[in-house]
Amino acid sequence: MLAVKRSPLQGGPLAYTVLALAALVSVFPFYWTLVAASRSNAELSSPTPALTPGPNLFHNIGAALQQADIGTALLNSLIVSGTVTAGVVLSSTLAGFAFAKLRFRGRRALLGVTVGTMMIPPQLGVIPLFMVIVRLDLQNKLPSVVLPSLVSAFGVFFMRQYLLQALPDELIEAGRVDGASLLRIFRSIVLPAARPGMAVLGMLTFMATWNDFFWPIVALSSQNPTVQVALKSLGQGYVPDQSIIMAGTLLGTLPVLVVFGLLGRQIVGGIMQGAVKG
């Protein structure tokens, strides 16, 4: 009898068990946030805290909305994160295409300088950056958070590496033979090929900008905060109210989950395409 060979990509029971456990471990922090946000502070402080959601979720959310202007903070974070993500993805795709497929003088030196800026800690530029923001009269305004983040060295390097593999030179040459301009080639050939990588970069940029705390707390006031700045004012007192803090955290996490769900297919497609080509 012929032995049946298992495909190398087919997982066995052990693989699915490990994946199920990894999924549970990944989901548990969000589940615990939901549980803590729906309980009282006394219940969370008990020796045997509850492991199921309670009845106080909407009460705690209402308390969080009263203690901090979460609505304004969510809107500000959506504006900042969306604008920064769009700027980084567009500029990184343009620069990545230039570094990956175009030939011009000083290309290697410029790429080296771009990558070298990633080794400089951003904390070193806080004081001169704040001085520039003050000179431009942008303190306590959203552009003070948006403008310094519109270009990313990591994004340029990421898209350059992605387009080296995902975009064949033959497609660009075919476009040139057909008489297409460089802008037409970028719009009709480069963007469709770069879409999975752009989705991955967009997700990473959105999450990093949404979770940024250091620069927004320096550049913005408590009257015009982002989500992470607003969360620091929740549950204050002699004994911090963890349930209200977790309710605000839950509100601040939901938009990230929505964005991840919207970009999930493109992200998985980009990872799988990179794995096949690699």
C-alpha atoms as a PDB file:
ATOM      1  CA  MET A   1       0.000   0.000   0.000  1.00  0.00           C
ATOM      2  CA  LEU A   2       1.151   3.513  -0.716  1.00  0.00           C
ATOM      3  CA  ALA A   3       1.808   5.712   2.302  1.00  0.00           C
ATOM      4  CA  VAL A   4      -0.179   8.913   2.397  1.00  0.00           C
ATOM      5  CA  LYS A   5       2.122  11.887   2.730  1.00  0.00           C
ATOM      6  CA  ARG A   6       0.919  14.876   4.711  1.00  0.00           C
ATOM      7  CA  SER A   7       1.317  18.254   3.095  1.00  0.00           C
ATOM      8  CA  PRO A   8       4.051  20.326   4.809  1.00  0.00           C
ATOM      9  CA  LEU A   9       1.523  23.167   5.221  1.00  0.00           C
ATOM     10  CA  GLN A  10      -1.093  20.965   6.919  1.00  0.00           C
ATOM     11  CA  GLY A  11      -1.130  21.368  10.697  1.00  0.00           C
ATOM     12  CA  GLY A  12      -1.763  18.558  13.137  1.00  0.00           C
ATOM     13  CA  PRO A  13      -3.618  18.544  16.472  1.00  0.00           C
ATOM     14  CA  LEU A  14      -0.564  19.856  18.327  1.00  0.00           C
ATOM     15  CA  ALA A  15      -0.261  22.859  16.004  1.00  0.00           C
ATOM     16  CA  TYR A  16      -3.930  23.776  16.390  1.00  0.00           C
ATOM     17  CA  THR A  17      -3.711  23.354  20.159  1.00  0.00           C
ATOM     18  CA  VAL A  18      -0.725  25.688  20.355  1.00  0.00           C
ATOM     19  CA  LEU A  19      -2.480  28.231  18.109  1.00  0.00           C
ATOM     20  CA  ALA A  20      -5.643  28.053  20.225  1.00  0.00           C
ATOM     21  CA  LEU A  21      -3.657  28.636  23.424  1.00  0.00           C
ATOM     22  CA  ALA A  22      -1.785  31.535  21.823  1.00  0.00           C
ATOM     23  CA  ALA A  23      -5.098  33.071  20.733  1.00  0.00           C
ATOM     24  CA  LEU A  24      -6.520  32.753  24.253  1.00  0.00           C
ATOM     25  CA  VAL A  25      -3.430  34.377  25.770  1.00  0.00           C
ATOM     26  CA  SER A  26      -3.668  37.222  23.237  1.00  0.00           C
ATOM     27  CA  VAL A  27      -7.378  37.835  23.810  1.00  0.00           C
ATOM     28  CA  PHE A  28      -7.284  37.558  27.613  1.00  0.00           C
ATOM     29  CA  PRO A  29      -5.963  41.139  28.299  1.00  0.00           C
ATOM     30  CA  PHE A  30      -8.848  42.628  26.318  1.00  0.00           C
ATOM     31  CA  TYR A  31     -11.321  40.309  28.062  1.00  0.00           C
ATOM     32  CA  TRP A  32      -9.954  41.301  31.467  1.00  0.00           C
ATOM     33  CA  THR A  33     -10.276  44.969  30.495  1.00  0.00           C
ATOM     34  CA  LEU A  34     -13.944  44.333  29.760  1.00  0.00           C
ATOM     35  CA  VAL A  35     -14.406  42.505  33.078  1.00  0.00           C
ATOM     36  CA  ALA A  36     -12.648  45.221  35.090  1.00  0.00           C
ATOM     37  CA  ALA A  37     -14.576  47.976  33.309  1.00  0.00           C
ATOM     38  CA  SER A  38     -17.895  46.352  34.269  1.00  0.00           C
ATOM     39  CA  ARG A  39     -17.109  45.816  37.963  1.00  0.00           C
ATOM     40  CA  SER A  40     -16.720  48.106  40.950  1.00  0.00           C
ATOM     41  CA  ASN A  41     -13.388  49.039  42.472  1.00  0.00           C
ATOM     42  CA  ALA A  42     -14.234  47.047  45.611  1.00  0.00           C
ATOM     43  CA  GLU A  43     -14.853  43.898  43.562  1.00  0.00           C
ATOM     44  CA  LEU A  44     -11.539  44.300  41.761  1.00  0.00           C
ATOM     45  CA  SER A  45      -9.725  44.726  45.092  1.00  0.00           C
ATOM     46  CA  SER A  46     -11.201  41.587  46.658  1.00  0.00           C
ATOM     47  CA  PRO A  47      -8.946  38.555  47.233  1.00  0.00           C
ATOM     48  CA  THR A  48     -10.996  36.583  44.684  1.00  0.00           C
ATOM     49  CA  PRO A  49     -11.890  39.014  41.864  1.00  0.00           C
ATOM     50  CA  ALA A  50     -14.664  38.048  39.468  1.00  0.00           C
ATOM     51  CA  LEU A  51     -13.731  36.607  36.089  1.00  0.00           C
ATOM     52  CA  THR A  52     -17.011  37.402  34.321  1.00  0.00           C
ATOM     53  CA  PRO A  53     -18.392  40.789  33.180  1.00  0.00           C
ATOM     54  CA  GLY A  54     -20.558  42.629  35.685  1.00  0.00           C
ATOM     55  CA  PRO A  55     -23.488  45.063  35.471  1.00  0.00           C
ATOM     56  CA  ASN A  56     -21.563  48.344  35.918  1.00  0.00           C
ATOM     57  CA  LEU A  57     -20.103  48.766  32.432  1.00  0.00           C
ATOM     58  CA  PHE A  58     -22.239  51.700  31.280  1.00  0.00           C
ATOM     59  CA  HIS A  59     -22.090  53.331  34.717  1.00  0.00           C
ATOM     60  CA  ASN A  60     -18.282  53.237  34.669  1.00  0.00           C
ATOM     61  CA  ILE A  61     -18.185  54.495  31.091  1.00  0.00           C
ATOM     62  CA  GLY A  62     -20.412  57.405  32.075  1.00  0.00           C
ATOM     63  CA  ALA A  63     -18.155  58.183  35.028  1.00  0.00           C
ATOM     64  CA  ALA A  64     -15.110  58.110  32.748  1.00  0.00           C
ATOM     65  CA  LEU A  65     -16.815  60.511  30.327  1.00  0.00           C
ATOM     66  CA  GLN A  66     -17.528  62.890  33.215  1.00  0.00           C
ATOM     67  CA  GLN A  67     -14.031  62.817  34.703  1.00  0.00           C
ATOM     68  CA  ALA A  68     -12.257  63.416  31.384  1.00  0.00           C
ATOM     69  CA  ASP A  69     -13.343  64.765  28.033  1.00  0.00           C
ATOM     70  CA  ILE A  70     -13.038  61.348  26.395  1.00  0.00           C
ATOM     71  CA  GLY A  71     -15.272  62.339  23.479  1.00  0.00           C
ATOM     72  CA  THR A  72     -13.016  65.226  22.454  1.00  0.00           C
ATOM     73  CA  ALA A  73      -9.949  63.072  23.094  1.00  0.00           C
ATOM     74  CA  LEU A  74     -11.262  60.290  20.834  1.00  0.00           C
ATOM     75  CA  LEU A  75     -12.022  62.782  18.067  1.00  0.00           C
ATOM     76  CA  ASN A  76      -8.581  64.382  18.411  1.00  0.00           C
ATOM     77  CA  SER A  77      -6.856  61.003  18.342  1.00  0.00           C
ATOM     78  CA  LEU A  78      -8.830  59.944  15.265  1.00  0.00           C
ATOM     79  CA  ILE A  79      -7.872  63.173  13.460  1.00  0.00           C
ATOM     80  CA  VAL A  80      -4.206  62.949  14.466  1.00  0.00           C
ATOM     81  CA  SER A  81      -3.814  59.210  13.845  1.00  0.00           C
ATOM     82  CA  GLY A  82      -5.713  59.282  10.550  1.00  0.00           C
ATOM     83  CA  THR A  83      -3.779  62.275   9.194  1.00  0.00           C
ATOM     84  CA  VAL A  84      -0.399  60.933  10.294  1.00  0.00           C
ATOM     85  CA  THR A  85      -1.175  57.480   8.890  1.00  0.00           C
ATOM     86  CA  ALA A  86      -2.204  58.892   5.510  1.00  0.00           C
ATOM     87  CA  GLY A  87       0.878  61.128   5.359  1.00  0.00           C
ATOM     88  CA  VAL A  88       3.314  58.394   6.377  1.00  0.00           C
ATOM     89  CA  VAL A  89       1.866  55.789   4.013  1.00  0.00           C
ATOM     90  CA  LEU A  90       1.846  58.145   1.013  1.00  0.00           C
ATOM     91  CA  SER A  91       5.289  59.666   1.609  1.00  0.00           C
ATOM     92  CA  SER A  92       6.836  56.295   2.461  1.00  0.00           C
ATOM     93  CA  THR A  93       5.411  54.654  -0.661  1.00  0.00           C
ATOM     94  CA  LEU A  94       6.705  57.466  -2.869  1.00  0.00           C
ATOM     95  CA  ALA A  95      10.164  57.474  -1.293  1.00  0.00           C
ATOM     96  CA  GLY A  96      10.298  53.678  -1.069  1.00  0.00           C
ATOM     97  CA  PHE A  97       9.509  53.385  -4.775  1.00  0.00           C
ATOM     98  CA  ALA A  98      12.228  55.905  -5.602  1.00  0.00           C
ATOM     99  CA  PHE A  99      14.857  54.117  -3.514  1.00  0.00           C
ATOM    100  CA  ALA A 100      13.819  50.660  -4.744  1.00  0.00           C
ATOM    101  CA  LYS A 101      13.322  51.124  -8.480  1.00  0.00           C
ATOM    102  CA  LEU A 102      14.665  54.478  -9.661  1.00  0.00           C
ATOM    103  CA  ARG A 103      18.298  55.205 -10.417  1.00  0.00           C
ATOM    104  CA  PHE A 104      19.596  58.634  -9.415  1.00  0.00           C
ATOM    105  CA  ARG A 105      22.827  60.115  -8.078  1.00  0.00           C
ATOM    106  CA  GLY A 106      23.321  59.814  -4.324  1.00  0.00           C
ATOM    107  CA  ARG A 107      20.632  57.161  -3.874  1.00  0.00           C
ATOM    108  CA  ARG A 108      22.684  54.972  -1.551  1.00  0.00           C
ATOM    109  CA  ALA A 109      23.928  57.933   0.502  1.00  0.00           C
ATOM    110  CA  LEU A 110      20.405  59.319   0.950  1.00  0.00           C
ATOM    111  CA  LEU A 111      19.102  55.899   1.972  1.00  0.00           C
ATOM    112  CA  GLY A 112      21.936  55.562   4.477  1.00  0.00           C
ATOM    113  CA  VAL A 113      21.141  58.968   5.989  1.00  0.00           C
ATOM    114  CA  THR A 114      17.442  58.058   6.172  1.00  0.00           C
ATOM    115  CA  VAL A 115      18.108  54.780   7.938  1.00  0.00           C
ATOM    116  CA  GLY A 116      20.689  56.474  10.185  1.00  0.00           C
ATOM    117  CA  THR A 117      18.063  58.842  11.583  1.00  0.00           C
ATOM    118  CA  MET A 118      16.320  55.808  13.100  1.00  0.00           C
ATOM    119  CA  MET A 119      19.233  55.435  15.528  1.00  0.00           C
ATOM    120  CA  ILE A 120      18.698  58.896  17.057  1.00  0.00           C
ATOM    121  CA  PRO A 121      16.453  58.763  20.169  1.00  0.00           C
ATOM    122  CA  PRO A 122      13.420  61.011  19.597  1.00  0.00           C
ATOM    123  CA  GLN A 123      13.755  62.382  23.142  1.00  0.00           C
ATOM    124  CA  LEU A 124      16.883  64.272  22.055  1.00  0.00           C
ATOM    125  CA  GLY A 125      14.833  66.474  19.730  1.00  0.00           C
ATOM    126  CA  VAL A 126      12.000  67.353  22.103  1.00  0.00           C
ATOM    127  CA  ILE A 127      13.377  70.723  23.243  1.00  0.00           C
ATOM    128  CA  PRO A 128      14.283  72.132  19.779  1.00  0.00           C
ATOM    129  CA  LEU A 129      11.046  70.709  18.353  1.00  0.00           C
ATOM    130  CA  PHE A 130       9.003  72.410  21.063  1.00  0.00           C
ATOM    131  CA  MET A 131      10.841  75.684  20.382  1.00  0.00           C
ATOM    132  CA  VAL A 132       9.896  75.424  16.704  1.00  0.00           C
ATOM    133  CA  ILE A 133       6.279  74.693  17.626  1.00  0.00           C
ATOM    134  CA  VAL A 134       6.197  77.772  19.864  1.00  0.00           C
ATOM    135  CA  ARG A 135       7.736  79.947  17.122  1.00  0.00           C
ATOM    136  CA  LEU A 136       4.996  78.775  14.745  1.00  0.00           C
ATOM    137  CA  ASP A 137       2.336  79.450  17.407  1.00  0.00           C
ATOM    138  CA  LEU A 138       1.102  75.841  17.265  1.00  0.00           C
ATOM    139  CA  GLN A 139       1.307  74.898  20.934  1.00  0.00           C
ATOM    140  CA  ASN A 140      -1.883  73.298  22.313  1.00  0.00           C
ATOM    141  CA  LYS A 141      -3.070  72.726  18.730  1.00  0.00           C
ATOM    142  CA  LEU A 142      -3.392  69.437  16.850  1.00  0.00           C
ATOM    143  CA  PRO A 143      -0.954  70.415  14.048  1.00  0.00           C
ATOM    144  CA  SER A 144       1.807  70.438  16.676  1.00  0.00           C
ATOM    145  CA  VAL A 145       1.300  66.664  17.016  1.00  0.00           C
ATOM    146  CA  VAL A 146       0.612  65.946  13.342  1.00  0.00           C
ATOM    147  CA  LEU A 147       3.393  67.812  11.518  1.00  0.00           C
ATOM    148  CA  PRO A 148       6.450  66.213  13.217  1.00  0.00           C
ATOM    149  CA  SER A 149       5.144  62.713  12.402  1.00  0.00           C
ATOM    150  CA  LEU A 150       4.075  63.022   8.764  1.00  0.00           C
ATOM    151  CA  VAL A 151       7.296  61.400   7.496  1.00  0.00           C
ATOM    152  CA  SER A 152       8.792  58.192   8.894  1.00  0.00           C
ATOM    153  CA  ALA A 153      12.262  56.807   8.206  1.00  0.00           C
ATOM    154  CA  PHE A 154      11.048  53.359   9.199  1.00  0.00           C
ATOM    155  CA  GLY A 155       8.176  53.665   6.739  1.00  0.00           C
ATOM    156  CA  VAL A 156      10.500  54.616   3.895  1.00  0.00           C
ATOM    157  CA  PHE A 157      12.808  51.679   4.616  1.00  0.00           C
ATOM    158  CA  PHE A 158       9.855  49.297   5.048  1.00  0.00           C
ATOM    159  CA  MET A 159       8.243  50.218   1.724  1.00  0.00           C
ATOM    160  CA  ARG A 160      11.592  50.178  -0.047  1.00  0.00           C
ATOM    161  CA  GLN A 161      12.235  46.603   1.099  1.00  0.00           C
ATOM    162  CA  TYR A 162       8.692  45.556   0.233  1.00  0.00           C
ATOM    163  CA  LEU A 163       8.714  47.040  -3.271  1.00  0.00           C
ATOM    164  CA  LEU A 164      12.071  45.434  -4.045  1.00  0.00           C
ATOM    165  CA  GLN A 165      10.333  42.051  -3.809  1.00  0.00           C
ATOM    166  CA  ALA A 166       6.724  42.793  -4.761  1.00  0.00           C
ATOM    167  CA  LEU A 167       7.275  45.012  -7.827  1.00  0.00           C
ATOM    168  CA  PRO A 168       9.038  43.403 -10.820  1.00  0.00           C
ATOM    169  CA  ASP A 169      11.205  45.681 -12.933  1.00  0.00           C
ATOM    170  CA  GLU A 170       9.504  44.319 -16.066  1.00  0.00           C
ATOM    171  CA  LEU A 171       6.216  45.987 -15.116  1.00  0.00           C
ATOM    172  CA  ILE A 172       7.879  49.398 -14.856  1.00  0.00           C
ATOM    173  CA  GLU A 173       9.706  48.894 -18.154  1.00  0.00           C
ATOM    174  CA  ALA A 174       6.442  47.851 -19.816  1.00  0.00           C
ATOM    175  CA  GLY A 175       4.809  51.047 -18.584  1.00  0.00           C
ATOM    176  CA  ARG A 176       7.651  53.143 -19.967  1.00  0.00           C
ATOM    177  CA  VAL A 177       7.457  51.374 -23.325  1.00  0.00           C
ATOM    178  CA  ASP A 178       3.739  52.194 -23.462  1.00  0.00           C
ATOM    179  CA  GLY A 179       4.595  55.855 -22.962  1.00  0.00           C
ATOM    180  CA  ALA A 180       3.291  56.202 -19.404  1.00  0.00           C
ATOM    181  CA  SER A 181       4.700  59.012 -17.310  1.00  0.00           C
ATOM    182  CA  LEU A 182       6.359  58.365 -13.962  1.00  0.00           C
ATOM    183  CA  LEU A 183       3.252  59.606 -12.154  1.00  0.00           C
ATOM    184  CA  ARG A 184       1.036  57.290 -14.236  1.00  0.00           C
ATOM    185  CA  ILE A 185       3.342  54.358 -13.500  1.00  0.00           C
ATOM    186  CA  PHE A 186       3.150  55.106  -9.802  1.00  0.00           C
ATOM    187  CA  ARG A 187      -0.629  55.395  -9.833  1.00  0.00           C
ATOM    188  CA  SER A 188      -1.437  52.438 -12.100  1.00  0.00           C
ATOM    189  CA  ILE A 189       1.369  49.972 -11.374  1.00  0.00           C
ATOM    190  CA  VAL A 190       3.113  50.785  -8.100  1.00  0.00           C
ATOM    191  CA  LEU A 191       0.071  51.473  -5.906  1.00  0.00           C
ATOM    192  CA  PRO A 192      -1.756  48.204  -6.708  1.00  0.00           C
ATOM    193  CA  ALA A 193       1.416  46.193  -6.071  1.00  0.00           C
ATOM    194  CA  ALA A 194       2.188  48.101  -2.872  1.00  0.00           C
ATOM    195  CA  ARG A 195      -1.321  47.882  -1.366  1.00  0.00           C
ATOM    196  CA  PRO A 196      -0.631  44.999   1.082  1.00  0.00           C
ATOM    197  CA  GLY A 197       2.556  46.651   2.330  1.00  0.00           C
ATOM    198  CA  MET A 198       0.766  49.981   2.654  1.00  0.00           C
ATOM    199  CA  ALA A 199      -1.921  48.298   4.770  1.00  0.00           C
ATOM    200  CA  VAL A 200       0.681  46.805   7.110  1.00  0.00           C
ATOM    201  CA  LEU A 201       2.510  50.125   7.415  1.00  0.00           C
ATOM    202  CA  GLY A 202      -0.801  51.957   7.929  1.00  0.00           C
ATOM    203  CA  MET A 203      -1.789  49.635  10.770  1.00  0.00           C
ATOM    204  CA  LEU A 204       1.588  49.962  12.492  1.00  0.00           C
ATOM    205  CA  THR A 205       1.576  53.752  12.093  1.00  0.00           C
ATOM    206  CA  PHE A 206      -1.998  54.134  13.327  1.00  0.00           C
ATOM    207  CA  MET A 207      -1.312  52.057  16.437  1.00  0.00           C
ATOM    208  CA  ALA A 208       1.946  53.871  17.218  1.00  0.00           C
ATOM    209  CA  THR A 209       0.329  57.295  16.787  1.00  0.00           C
ATOM    210  CA  TRP A 210      -2.792  56.333  18.749  1.00  0.00           C
ATOM    211  CA  ASN A 211      -0.712  55.025  21.667  1.00  0.00           C
ATOM    212  CA  ASP A 212       1.766  57.912  21.674  1.00  0.00           C
ATOM    213  CA  PHE A 213       1.821  59.670  25.045  1.00  0.00           C
ATOM    214  CA  PHE A 214       5.141  61.468  25.414  1.00  0.00           C
ATOM    215  CA  TRP A 215       4.938  64.141  22.703  1.00  0.00           C
ATOM    216  CA  PRO A 216       1.162  64.850  22.964  1.00  0.00           C
ATOM    217  CA  ILE A 217       1.427  65.523  26.698  1.00  0.00           C
ATOM    218  CA  VAL A 218       4.238  68.006  25.948  1.00  0.00           C
ATOM    219  CA  ALA A 219       2.582  69.749  23.008  1.00  0.00           C
ATOM    220  CA  LEU A 220      -1.103  69.687  24.031  1.00  0.00           C
ATOM    221  CA  SER A 221      -3.019  70.932  27.060  1.00  0.00           C
ATOM    222  CA  SER A 222      -5.519  69.025  29.185  1.00  0.00           C
ATOM    223  CA  GLN A 223      -8.314  71.027  27.526  1.00  0.00           C
ATOM    224  CA  ASN A 224      -7.452  69.649  24.072  1.00  0.00           C
ATOM    225  CA  PRO A 225      -5.976  66.194  24.702  1.00  0.00           C
ATOM    226  CA  THR A 226      -5.571  62.967  22.811  1.00  0.00           C
ATOM    227  CA  VAL A 227      -6.862  59.699  24.279  1.00  0.00           C
ATOM    228  CA  GLN A 228      -3.653  58.717  26.051  1.00  0.00           C
ATOM    229  CA  VAL A 229      -3.358  62.168  27.654  1.00  0.00           C
ATOM    230  CA  ALA A 230      -7.002  62.104  28.753  1.00  0.00           C
ATOM    231  CA  LEU A 231      -6.690  58.657  30.351  1.00  0.00           C
ATOM    232  CA  LYS A 232      -4.132  59.890  32.881  1.00  0.00           C
ATOM    233  CA  SER A 233      -6.812  62.022  34.583  1.00  0.00           C
ATOM    234  CA  LEU A 234      -9.172  59.097  35.199  1.00  0.00           C
ATOM    235  CA  GLY A 235      -9.745  57.499  38.599  1.00  0.00           C
ATOM    236  CA  GLN A 236      -7.673  60.033  40.502  1.00  0.00           C
ATOM    237  CA  GLY A 237      -7.930  60.124  44.276  1.00  0.00           C
ATOM    238  CA  TYR A 238      -6.437  58.653  47.406  1.00  0.00           C
ATOM    239  CA  VAL A 239      -7.393  55.204  46.088  1.00  0.00           C
ATOM    240  CA  PRO A 240      -7.407  55.125  42.253  1.00  0.00           C
ATOM    241  CA  ASP A 241     -10.648  53.741  40.847  1.00  0.00           C
ATOM    242  CA  GLN A 242      -9.368  50.976  38.582  1.00  0.00           C
ATOM    243  CA  SER A 243     -12.812  50.218  37.183  1.00  0.00           C
ATOM    244  CA  ILE A 244     -13.197  53.741  35.762  1.00  0.00           C
ATOM    245  CA  ILE A 245      -9.639  53.680  34.430  1.00  0.00           C
ATOM    246  CA  MET A 246     -10.326  50.388  32.663  1.00  0.00           C
ATOM    247  CA  ALA A 247     -13.631  51.742  31.287  1.00  0.00           C
ATOM    248  CA  GLY A 248     -11.763  54.651  29.700  1.00  0.00           C
ATOM    249  CA  THR A 249      -9.095  52.266  28.428  1.00  0.00           C
ATOM    250  CA  LEU A 250     -11.798  50.128  26.849  1.00  0.00           C
ATOM    251  CA  LEU A 251     -13.166  53.159  25.005  1.00  0.00           C
ATOM    252  CA  GLY A 252      -9.664  54.046  23.829  1.00  0.00           C
ATOM    253  CA  THR A 253      -9.032  50.512  22.566  1.00  0.00           C
ATOM    254  CA  LEU A 254     -12.144  50.037  20.453  1.00  0.00           C
ATOM    255  CA  PRO A 255     -11.077  52.299  17.513  1.00  0.00           C
ATOM    256  CA  VAL A 256      -7.801  50.376  17.206  1.00  0.00           C
ATOM    257  CA  LEU A 257      -9.732  47.088  16.987  1.00  0.00           C
ATOM    258  CA  VAL A 258     -11.996  48.571  14.312  1.00  0.00           C
ATOM    259  CA  VAL A 259      -9.024  49.720  12.224  1.00  0.00           C
ATOM    260  CA  PHE A 260      -7.334  46.344  12.645  1.00  0.00           C
ATOM    261  CA  GLY A 261     -10.503  44.605  11.470  1.00  0.00           C
ATOM    262  CA  LEU A 262     -10.749  46.845   8.408  1.00  0.00           C
ATOM    263  CA  LEU A 263      -7.107  46.322   7.422  1.00  0.00           C
ATOM    264  CA  GLY A 264      -6.867  42.697   8.555  1.00  0.00           C
ATOM    265  CA  ARG A 265      -7.271  41.092   5.134  1.00  0.00           C
ATOM    266  CA  GLN A 266      -4.704  43.379   3.550  1.00  0.00           C
ATOM    267  CA  ILE A 267      -2.282  42.746   6.426  1.00  0.00           C
ATOM    268  CA  VAL A 268      -2.603  38.962   6.137  1.00  0.00           C
ATOM    269  CA  GLY A 269      -2.279  39.216   2.368  1.00  0.00           C
ATOM    270  CA  GLY A 270       0.884  41.287   2.711  1.00  0.00           C
ATOM    271  CA  ILE A 271       2.436  38.870   5.190  1.00  0.00           C
ATOM    272  CA  MET A 272       1.600  35.841   3.041  1.00  0.00           C
ATOM    273  CA  GLN A 273       2.893  37.511  -0.120  1.00  0.00           C
ATOM    274  CA  GLY A 274       6.147  38.404   1.606  1.00  0.00           C
ATOM    275  CA  ALA A 275       6.482  34.845   2.941  1.00  0.00           C
ATOM    276  CA  VAL A 276       5.943  33.306  -0.510  1.00  0.00           C
ATOM    277  CA  LYS A 277       8.388  35.661  -2.212  1.00  0.00           C
ATOM    278  CA  GLY A 278      10.928  35.338   0.567  1.00  0.00           C
END
